Amino acid sequence: MDSNLNSPQRRLIDLRIEHGDLDAMIDRASDENPLDELLMRRLKKKRLGLRDEIARLERQLDPDQPA
């Protein structure tokens, strides 16, 4: 059971949730109360890092098949 909590599939799910939460937070913040430019850049950089990590895990779990 514990091995499922640390599996790459579980990590991918967690990253997607975190990315979605961060995306919603950025959208809300920019609509309601524009944050300072530096904070918005940091949040967007973190979101981009999460997206890159998600893509890396997806490639690891489902590698391209040779033609």
N, C-alpha and C. Protein backbone atom coordinates (compact mmCIF):
# COMPACT_ATOMS: atom_id res chain seq x y z
N MET A 1 0.83 -1.20 0.00
CA MET A 1 0.00 0.00 0.00
C MET A 1 0.86 1.26 0.00
N ASP A 2 1.92 1.29 0.83
CA ASP A 2 2.78 2.46 0.88
C ASP A 2 3.49 2.70 -0.45
N SER A 3 3.79 1.63 -1.18
CA SER A 3 4.48 1.80 -2.45
C SER A 3 3.62 2.57 -3.46
N ASN A 4 2.30 2.44 -3.36
CA ASN A 4 1.42 3.19 -4.26
C ASN A 4 1.45 4.68 -3.98
N LEU A 5 1.70 5.06 -2.73
CA LEU A 5 1.75 6.47 -2.37
C LEU A 5 2.98 7.16 -2.94
N ASN A 6 4.03 6.40 -3.23
CA ASN A 6 5.27 6.95 -3.75
C ASN A 6 5.51 6.58 -5.20
N SER A 7 4.51 6.04 -5.87
CA SER A 7 4.68 5.61 -7.25
C SER A 7 4.74 6.82 -8.19
N PRO A 8 5.37 6.63 -9.36
CA PRO A 8 5.41 7.73 -10.34
C PRO A 8 4.00 8.18 -10.76
N GLN A 9 3.06 7.24 -10.83
CA GLN A 9 1.69 7.62 -11.21
C GLN A 9 1.07 8.55 -10.16
N ARG A 10 1.30 8.22 -8.88
CA ARG A 10 0.77 9.07 -7.79
C ARG A 10 1.44 10.43 -7.81
N ARG A 11 2.74 10.47 -8.07
CA ARG A 11 3.46 11.74 -8.15
C ARG A 11 2.90 12.59 -9.29
N LEU A 12 2.59 11.94 -10.40
CA LEU A 12 2.03 12.66 -11.55
C LEU A 12 0.68 13.27 -11.20
N ILE A 13 -0.15 12.53 -10.51
CA ILE A 13 -1.46 13.04 -10.08
C ILE A 13 -1.27 14.24 -9.15
N ASP A 14 -0.36 14.11 -8.19
CA ASP A 14 -0.10 15.20 -7.25
C ASP A 14 0.40 16.46 -7.96
N LEU A 15 1.28 16.27 -8.94
CA LEU A 15 1.81 17.41 -9.69
C LEU A 15 0.71 18.09 -10.50
N ARG A 16 -0.17 17.29 -11.11
CA ARG A 16 -1.27 17.88 -11.89
C ARG A 16 -2.22 18.67 -11.00
N ILE A 17 -2.48 18.17 -9.81
CA ILE A 17 -3.33 18.89 -8.86
C ILE A 17 -2.66 20.20 -8.45
N GLU A 18 -1.38 20.11 -8.11
CA GLU A 18 -0.65 21.31 -7.69
C GLU A 18 -0.60 22.34 -8.82
N HIS A 19 -0.38 21.88 -10.05
CA HIS A 19 -0.35 22.77 -11.21
C HIS A 19 -1.71 23.45 -11.40
N GLY A 20 -2.78 22.69 -11.29
CA GLY A 20 -4.12 23.25 -11.44
C GLY A 20 -4.43 24.27 -10.36
N ASP A 21 -4.04 23.96 -9.13
CA ASP A 21 -4.26 24.89 -8.02
C ASP A 21 -3.48 26.19 -8.24
N LEU A 22 -2.24 26.07 -8.67
CA LEU A 22 -1.41 27.24 -8.91
C LEU A 22 -1.96 28.06 -10.08
N ASP A 23 -2.42 27.39 -11.10
CA ASP A 23 -3.01 28.06 -12.26
C ASP A 23 -4.24 28.86 -11.84
N ALA A 24 -5.09 28.26 -11.03
CA ALA A 24 -6.29 28.95 -10.55
C ALA A 24 -5.91 30.14 -9.67
N MET A 25 -4.90 29.96 -8.83
CA MET A 25 -4.48 31.04 -7.95
C MET A 25 -3.94 32.23 -8.75
N ILE A 26 -3.17 31.95 -9.78
CA ILE A 26 -2.63 33.01 -10.64
C ILE A 26 -3.78 33.74 -11.34
N ASP A 27 -4.73 33.00 -11.86
CA ASP A 27 -5.87 33.63 -12.55
C ASP A 27 -6.68 34.51 -11.59
N ARG A 28 -6.97 33.97 -10.41
CA ARG A 28 -7.73 34.74 -9.42
C ARG A 28 -6.98 36.00 -9.00
N ALA A 29 -5.71 35.86 -8.76
CA ALA A 29 -4.91 36.99 -8.29
C ALA A 29 -4.83 38.08 -9.36
N SER A 30 -4.70 37.69 -10.59
CA SER A 30 -4.60 38.71 -11.65
C SER A 30 -5.95 39.37 -11.91
N ASP A 31 -7.05 38.65 -11.66
CA ASP A 31 -8.38 39.24 -11.87
C ASP A 31 -8.79 40.14 -10.71
N GLU A 32 -8.62 39.65 -9.50
CA GLU A 32 -9.11 40.36 -8.31
C GLU A 32 -8.19 41.50 -7.89
N ASN A 33 -6.94 41.18 -7.73
CA ASN A 33 -6.02 42.13 -7.13
C ASN A 33 -4.65 41.89 -7.74
N PRO A 34 -4.30 42.67 -8.74
CA PRO A 34 -3.00 42.43 -9.39
C PRO A 34 -1.86 42.47 -8.37
N LEU A 35 -1.10 41.38 -8.35
CA LEU A 35 0.03 41.31 -7.44
C LEU A 35 1.22 42.04 -8.05
N ASP A 36 2.23 42.20 -7.26
CA ASP A 36 3.41 42.84 -7.83
C ASP A 36 4.03 41.94 -8.90
N GLU A 37 4.72 42.56 -9.80
CA GLU A 37 5.27 41.88 -10.97
C GLU A 37 6.21 40.74 -10.59
N LEU A 38 7.05 40.95 -9.60
CA LEU A 38 8.01 39.93 -9.20
C LEU A 38 7.31 38.68 -8.68
N LEU A 39 6.29 38.85 -7.87
CA LEU A 39 5.56 37.70 -7.34
C LEU A 39 4.85 36.94 -8.45
N MET A 40 4.24 37.65 -9.39
CA MET A 40 3.57 36.98 -10.51
C MET A 40 4.58 36.19 -11.35
N ARG A 41 5.76 36.76 -11.58
CA ARG A 41 6.78 36.04 -12.34
C ARG A 41 7.23 34.78 -11.62
N ARG A 42 7.36 34.86 -10.30
CA ARG A 42 7.76 33.69 -9.52
C ARG A 42 6.71 32.60 -9.57
N LEU A 43 5.44 32.99 -9.45
CA LEU A 43 4.36 32.01 -9.51
C LEU A 43 4.30 31.35 -10.88
N LYS A 44 4.46 32.14 -11.92
CA LYS A 44 4.42 31.59 -13.27
C LYS A 44 5.62 30.70 -13.55
N LYS A 45 6.77 31.04 -12.99
CA LYS A 45 7.95 30.20 -13.15
C LYS A 45 7.76 28.86 -12.45
N LYS A 46 7.16 28.90 -11.27
CA LYS A 46 6.88 27.66 -10.55
C LYS A 46 5.89 26.80 -11.33
N ARG A 47 4.86 27.44 -11.90
CA ARG A 47 3.88 26.71 -12.70
C ARG A 47 4.55 26.06 -13.91
N LEU A 48 5.47 26.77 -14.55
CA LEU A 48 6.19 26.22 -15.69
C LEU A 48 7.06 25.03 -15.27
N GLY A 49 7.70 25.14 -14.11
CA GLY A 49 8.50 24.03 -13.60
C GLY A 49 7.66 22.80 -13.34
N LEU A 50 6.46 23.01 -12.81
CA LEU A 50 5.55 21.89 -12.57
C LEU A 50 5.14 21.24 -13.89
N ARG A 51 4.87 22.07 -14.88
CA ARG A 51 4.49 21.54 -16.19
C ARG A 51 5.63 20.71 -16.80
N ASP A 52 6.86 21.19 -16.64
CA ASP A 52 8.01 20.44 -17.14
C ASP A 52 8.17 19.11 -16.41
N GLU A 53 7.97 19.11 -15.10
CA GLU A 53 8.07 17.88 -14.32
C GLU A 53 6.97 16.90 -14.71
N ILE A 54 5.77 17.40 -14.96
CA ILE A 54 4.67 16.55 -15.41
C ILE A 54 5.02 15.91 -16.75
N ALA A 55 5.54 16.69 -17.67
CA ALA A 55 5.92 16.16 -18.99
C ALA A 55 7.01 15.11 -18.86
N ARG A 56 7.98 15.34 -17.98
CA ARG A 56 9.05 14.37 -17.79
C ARG A 56 8.51 13.05 -17.25
N LEU A 57 7.62 13.13 -16.26
CA LEU A 57 7.03 11.92 -15.70
C LEU A 57 6.17 11.19 -16.72
N GLU A 58 5.43 11.95 -17.53
CA GLU A 58 4.59 11.32 -18.56
C GLU A 58 5.46 10.56 -19.57
N ARG A 59 6.59 11.15 -19.95
CA ARG A 59 7.50 10.47 -20.88
C ARG A 59 8.09 9.22 -20.23
N GLN A 60 8.39 9.31 -18.95
CA GLN A 60 8.95 8.17 -18.23
C GLN A 60 7.93 7.02 -18.13
N LEU A 61 6.67 7.37 -17.90
CA LEU A 61 5.64 6.34 -17.75
C LEU A 61 5.17 5.77 -19.08
N ASP A 62 5.24 6.57 -20.13
CA ASP A 62 4.76 6.13 -21.44
C ASP A 62 5.77 6.57 -22.50
N PRO A 63 6.92 5.89 -22.58
CA PRO A 63 7.95 6.30 -23.55
C PRO A 63 7.45 6.13 -24.99
N ASP A 64 8.01 6.95 -25.88
CA ASP A 64 7.65 6.84 -27.30
C ASP A 64 7.99 5.46 -27.82
N GLN A 65 7.08 4.92 -28.62
CA GLN A 65 7.29 3.61 -29.23
C GLN A 65 8.02 3.82 -30.57
N PRO A 66 9.03 3.02 -30.84
CA PRO A 66 9.70 3.14 -32.15
C PRO A 66 8.75 2.76 -33.28
N ALA A 67 8.87 3.45 -34.41
CA ALA A 67 7.97 3.21 -35.54
C ALA A 67 8.24 1.90 -36.22
